[in-house]
Amino acid sequence: MKEYGPTTFGELNADEYDALHDPGTTEDCVDLIARLAGDGEILELAIGTGRIALPLKARGLNISGFDASPEMLKRLKDKPGGAELQTWVADMATFELGRQFDFAFLVFNTLYNLTSQAEQKQCFQHVARHLNPGGRFLVEAFMPNRERFVDNQAVRTKQVGFDRVWLEAVEHDPLAQTLHYQRIRIDQHGIVLKPLPMRYVWPAELDLMAELAGLRPVSHWGGWHQQPLTATSDMYIKVYEKPLEDA
């Protein structure tokens, strides 16, 4: 999707993001991150409209974050407490904030919005540069599942009503590890298309990206309740650490 850039997701989705993108794991996510991060300086990559950051701030944690989308950040700033958060407009692959943090996190599959391995590797390198020695980086993402595809394509119904239908079509390239989604909404107002390109990452590949950035794995789970990560897990959470000897 050549026309798709770092700001496109926000341009297409900011106005209804909160209503349509609730994974149902927010409270569990906030609980675990709060326990892991403690009272240090926290950075959220792709902070969006504040789904995770605002509850963490409400618990008294010292959190700030960035997003590539000014539209998403405006939604965040308009919410109670949002204007008090320090934020930046920045790209996950190239960000330079001039500050160090004790904990960073990137959740809800957002790493996959970087659509090349090179950009994903860059993201890890920039995170490592922004972490204090001993600082940690948490990543959450879905586990790829090839079984849902026929001829590397799939279509599923997201919602059906008397006067509307929402569909999701996806084209899969297993060599490039890319998923090109098109979310199609048809109702009495017409047809709306919401494209989304992604590049998924296998857990072992994620470990290699972290190693190349000088980070070492410290924990992994198959969900926010810290259940074991297995071959049947539909998501993974990985935590990496910047070694103290880098001080």
Protein backbone atom coordinates (compact mmCIF):
# COMPACT_ATOMS: atom_id res chain seq x y z
CA MET A 1 0.00 0.00 0.00
CA LYS A 2 2.26 2.74 -1.33
CA GLU A 3 -0.05 5.58 -0.33
CA TYR A 4 -0.06 4.51 3.33
CA GLY A 5 2.34 6.41 5.61
CA PRO A 6 2.99 6.86 9.36
CA THR A 7 0.18 9.40 9.75
CA THR A 8 -2.44 7.60 7.64
CA PHE A 9 -3.93 5.45 10.40
CA GLY A 10 -4.77 8.48 12.52
CA GLU A 11 -6.12 10.42 9.56
CA LEU A 12 -8.52 7.56 8.76
CA ASN A 13 -9.45 6.42 12.27
CA ALA A 14 -8.96 9.09 14.95
CA ASP A 15 -12.55 10.33 14.86
CA GLU A 16 -13.98 6.93 15.87
CA TYR A 17 -10.96 5.09 17.21
CA ASP A 18 -12.20 4.73 20.80
CA ALA A 19 -15.58 3.39 19.73
CA LEU A 20 -14.26 0.79 17.28
CA HIS A 21 -10.86 -0.34 18.62
CA ASP A 22 -11.42 -1.67 22.13
CA PRO A 23 -9.60 -5.02 22.51
CA GLY A 24 -11.27 -5.73 25.85
CA THR A 25 -7.93 -6.11 27.65
CA THR A 26 -7.36 -2.54 28.83
CA GLU A 27 -7.70 -3.12 32.58
CA ASP A 28 -5.49 -6.22 32.56
CA CYS A 29 -2.92 -4.43 30.40
CA VAL A 30 -2.83 -1.43 32.73
CA ASP A 31 -2.52 -3.68 35.81
CA LEU A 32 0.50 -5.56 34.49
CA ILE A 33 2.30 -2.51 33.12
CA ALA A 34 1.76 -0.66 36.38
CA ARG A 35 3.34 -3.55 38.32
CA LEU A 36 6.28 -3.89 35.96
CA ALA A 37 7.00 -0.18 35.49
CA GLY A 38 6.87 0.94 39.11
CA ASP A 39 7.63 4.58 39.86
CA GLY A 40 10.17 5.24 37.10
CA GLU A 41 9.86 7.35 33.95
CA ILE A 42 7.56 5.55 31.48
CA LEU A 43 7.34 6.01 27.70
CA GLU A 44 4.47 4.73 25.56
CA LEU A 45 5.20 4.33 21.88
CA ALA A 46 2.11 5.09 19.76
CA ILE A 47 0.22 6.56 22.72
CA GLY A 48 -2.82 7.19 20.52
CA THR A 49 -5.90 8.53 22.29
CA GLY A 50 -4.63 7.48 25.73
CA ARG A 51 -6.40 4.13 26.23
CA ILE A 52 -3.49 2.88 28.37
CA ALA A 53 -1.68 6.10 29.30
CA LEU A 54 -4.59 7.86 30.99
CA PRO A 55 -5.41 5.00 33.41
CA LEU A 56 -1.70 4.71 34.24
CA LYS A 57 -1.54 8.45 34.92
CA ALA A 58 -4.64 8.16 37.12
CA ARG A 59 -2.71 5.64 39.23
CA GLY A 60 0.01 8.22 39.78
CA LEU A 61 2.57 6.81 37.34
CA ASN A 62 4.95 9.15 35.53
CA ILE A 63 4.07 8.52 31.88
CA SER A 64 4.56 10.35 28.61
CA GLY A 65 4.40 9.22 25.01
CA PHE A 66 4.43 9.94 21.32
CA ASP A 67 2.37 9.20 18.25
CA ALA A 68 2.81 9.79 14.54
CA SER A 69 -0.74 11.13 14.29
CA PRO A 70 -1.58 14.69 15.41
CA GLU A 71 -5.26 13.73 15.11
CA MET A 72 -4.88 10.92 17.66
CA LEU A 73 -2.99 13.19 20.04
CA LYS A 74 -5.69 15.84 19.78
CA ARG A 75 -8.25 13.25 20.90
CA LEU A 76 -5.99 12.42 23.83
CA LYS A 77 -5.56 16.07 24.82
CA ASP A 78 -9.33 16.62 24.75
CA LYS A 79 -9.92 13.93 27.39
CA PRO A 80 -9.84 14.63 31.15
CA GLY A 81 -6.21 14.64 32.22
CA GLY A 82 -4.93 14.35 28.66
CA ALA A 83 -3.58 17.88 28.46
CA GLU A 84 -1.34 17.15 31.45
CA LEU A 85 0.53 14.37 29.63
CA GLN A 86 3.75 15.26 27.84
CA THR A 87 3.50 14.07 24.24
CA TRP A 88 5.43 14.35 21.01
CA VAL A 89 4.57 13.84 17.34
CA ALA A 90 7.09 11.24 16.20
CA ASP A 91 7.55 8.10 14.10
CA MET A 92 8.21 4.79 15.90
CA ALA A 93 11.09 4.00 13.53
CA THR A 94 12.96 7.31 13.85
CA PHE A 95 11.98 9.02 17.12
CA GLU A 96 14.50 11.15 19.02
CA LEU A 97 13.09 12.65 22.22
CA GLY A 98 16.25 13.80 24.00
CA ARG A 99 15.28 11.97 27.21
CA GLN A 100 15.87 8.63 28.91
CA PHE A 101 13.21 6.38 30.42
CA ASP A 102 13.07 3.47 32.85
CA PHE A 103 10.27 1.58 31.10
CA ALA A 104 8.84 1.70 27.57
CA PHE A 105 5.98 -0.20 26.02
CA LEU A 106 4.27 -0.78 22.67
CA VAL A 107 0.97 -2.68 22.78
CA PHE A 108 -2.06 -3.75 20.71
CA ASN A 109 -0.04 -5.08 17.73
CA THR A 110 1.18 -1.59 16.91
CA LEU A 111 4.73 -2.74 16.13
CA TYR A 112 3.17 -4.40 13.08
CA ASN A 113 2.19 -0.97 11.74
CA LEU A 114 5.85 -0.62 10.80
CA THR A 115 5.62 -2.53 7.55
CA SER A 116 9.24 -3.57 6.98
CA GLN A 117 11.73 -5.55 9.02
CA ALA A 118 14.21 -2.69 8.72
CA GLU A 119 11.78 -0.22 10.33
CA GLN A 120 10.91 -2.66 13.10
CA LYS A 121 14.60 -3.20 13.81
CA GLN A 122 15.12 0.58 13.87
CA CYS A 123 12.32 0.89 16.41
CA PHE A 124 14.15 -1.42 18.81
CA GLN A 125 17.38 0.49 18.31
CA HIS A 126 15.73 3.81 19.12
CA VAL A 127 14.01 2.32 22.16
CA ALA A 128 17.36 1.02 23.44
CA ARG A 129 18.90 4.48 23.07
CA HIS A 130 16.04 6.00 25.09
CA LEU A 131 16.26 3.50 27.98
CA ASN A 132 18.31 4.00 31.11
CA PRO A 133 20.59 1.06 31.99
CA GLY A 134 18.35 -1.54 33.59
CA GLY A 135 15.34 -0.10 31.76
CA ARG A 136 12.81 -2.44 30.21
CA PHE A 137 10.74 -2.58 27.01
CA LEU A 138 7.41 -4.46 26.74
CA VAL A 139 5.86 -5.46 23.40
CA GLU A 140 2.42 -7.03 22.86
CA ALA A 141 1.35 -8.50 19.52
CA PHE A 142 -0.83 -11.22 18.03
CA MET A 143 0.56 -14.58 16.99
CA PRO A 144 0.33 -15.14 13.23
CA ASN A 145 -2.17 -17.80 12.15
CA ARG A 146 -1.91 -19.09 8.58
CA GLU A 147 -4.84 -21.48 8.97
CA ARG A 148 -7.42 -18.74 8.42
CA PHE A 149 -6.22 -18.08 4.85
CA VAL A 150 -7.25 -19.76 1.60
CA ASP A 151 -4.87 -18.98 -1.25
CA ASN A 152 -3.36 -16.39 1.11
CA GLN A 153 -6.62 -14.47 1.29
CA ALA A 154 -9.45 -14.21 3.80
CA VAL A 155 -12.71 -12.33 4.21
CA ARG A 156 -14.78 -12.21 7.38
CA THR A 157 -17.90 -10.44 8.55
CA LYS A 158 -17.33 -7.94 11.36
CA GLN A 159 -20.90 -6.73 11.81
CA VAL A 160 -24.27 -7.27 10.14
CA GLY A 161 -27.39 -5.20 10.68
CA PHE A 162 -30.66 -4.42 8.94
CA ASP A 163 -29.13 -1.41 7.19
CA ARG A 164 -25.40 -2.07 7.30
CA VAL A 165 -22.63 -4.63 6.88
CA TRP A 166 -18.97 -4.37 7.88
CA LEU A 167 -16.45 -6.68 6.25
CA GLU A 168 -12.72 -7.25 6.60
CA ALA A 169 -10.69 -8.52 3.66
CA VAL A 170 -7.00 -9.38 3.99
CA GLU A 171 -4.28 -10.45 1.61
CA HIS A 172 -1.37 -12.39 3.12
CA ASP A 173 2.21 -12.57 1.83
CA PRO A 174 3.93 -15.27 3.93
CA LEU A 175 7.37 -14.50 2.48
CA ALA A 176 7.29 -10.81 3.37
CA GLN A 177 5.18 -11.56 6.49
CA THR A 178 2.74 -8.84 5.44
CA LEU A 179 -1.01 -8.52 5.85
CA HIS A 180 -2.86 -5.99 3.72
CA TYR A 181 -6.26 -5.35 5.30
CA GLN A 182 -9.19 -3.53 3.80
CA ARG A 183 -12.05 -2.84 6.21
CA ILE A 184 -15.24 -2.18 4.29
CA ARG A 185 -18.29 -0.49 5.75
CA ILE A 186 -21.49 -0.40 3.71
CA ASP A 187 -24.57 1.42 5.03
CA GLN A 188 -27.23 3.91 3.97
CA HIS A 189 -24.56 6.62 3.67
CA GLY A 190 -22.48 4.69 1.15
CA ILE A 191 -19.21 2.75 1.26
CA VAL A 192 -16.25 3.58 3.49
CA LEU A 193 -12.85 1.90 3.06
CA LYS A 194 -10.28 1.75 5.89
CA PRO A 195 -7.04 0.14 4.66
CA LEU A 196 -4.39 -1.13 7.07
CA PRO A 197 -1.05 -2.69 6.05
CA MET A 198 0.86 -4.68 8.67
CA ARG A 199 4.01 -6.77 8.95
CA TYR A 200 3.82 -9.46 11.61
CA VAL A 201 6.81 -10.71 13.60
CA TRP A 202 7.40 -14.17 15.02
CA PRO A 203 8.54 -14.20 18.68
CA ALA A 204 11.99 -15.55 17.83
CA GLU A 205 12.45 -12.81 15.25
CA LEU A 206 11.45 -10.24 17.86
CA ASP A 207 14.13 -11.63 20.18
CA LEU A 208 16.73 -11.17 17.44
CA MET A 209 15.68 -7.56 16.86
CA ALA A 210 16.07 -6.94 20.57
CA GLU A 211 19.48 -8.63 20.65
CA LEU A 212 20.70 -6.51 17.73
CA ALA A 213 19.65 -3.43 19.70
CA GLY A 214 21.55 -4.59 22.77
CA LEU A 215 18.49 -5.69 24.76
CA ARG A 216 18.09 -9.05 26.44
CA PRO A 217 14.86 -11.00 27.05
CA VAL A 218 13.68 -11.22 30.65
CA SER A 219 10.03 -12.39 30.45
CA HIS A 220 7.45 -13.72 28.00
CA TRP A 221 3.79 -14.63 28.36
CA GLY A 222 0.80 -15.67 26.32
CA GLY A 223 -1.49 -13.01 27.78
CA TRP A 224 -1.94 -10.20 30.28
CA HIS A 225 -2.51 -12.65 33.15
CA GLN A 226 1.06 -13.88 32.60
CA GLN A 227 -0.11 -17.25 31.34
CA PRO A 228 2.55 -19.39 29.61
CA LEU A 229 3.41 -18.63 25.99
CA THR A 230 2.80 -21.81 23.99
CA ALA A 231 2.37 -22.94 20.41
CA THR A 232 -1.40 -22.44 20.77
CA SER A 233 -1.23 -18.88 22.16
CA ASP A 234 -3.02 -16.30 20.03
CA MET A 235 -0.89 -13.42 21.35
CA TYR A 236 2.45 -12.85 23.00
CA ILE A 237 3.93 -10.37 25.44
CA LYS A 238 7.72 -9.99 25.55
CA VAL A 239 9.79 -7.94 28.00
CA TYR A 240 13.38 -6.94 27.26
CA GLU A 241 16.00 -5.22 29.41
CA LYS A 242 18.91 -2.90 28.72
CA PRO A 243 21.88 -4.38 30.62
CA LEU A 244 23.28 -2.43 33.57
CA GLU A 245 26.80 -2.86 32.23
CA ASP A 246 25.96 -0.36 29.48
CA ALA A 247 26.16 2.38 32.14
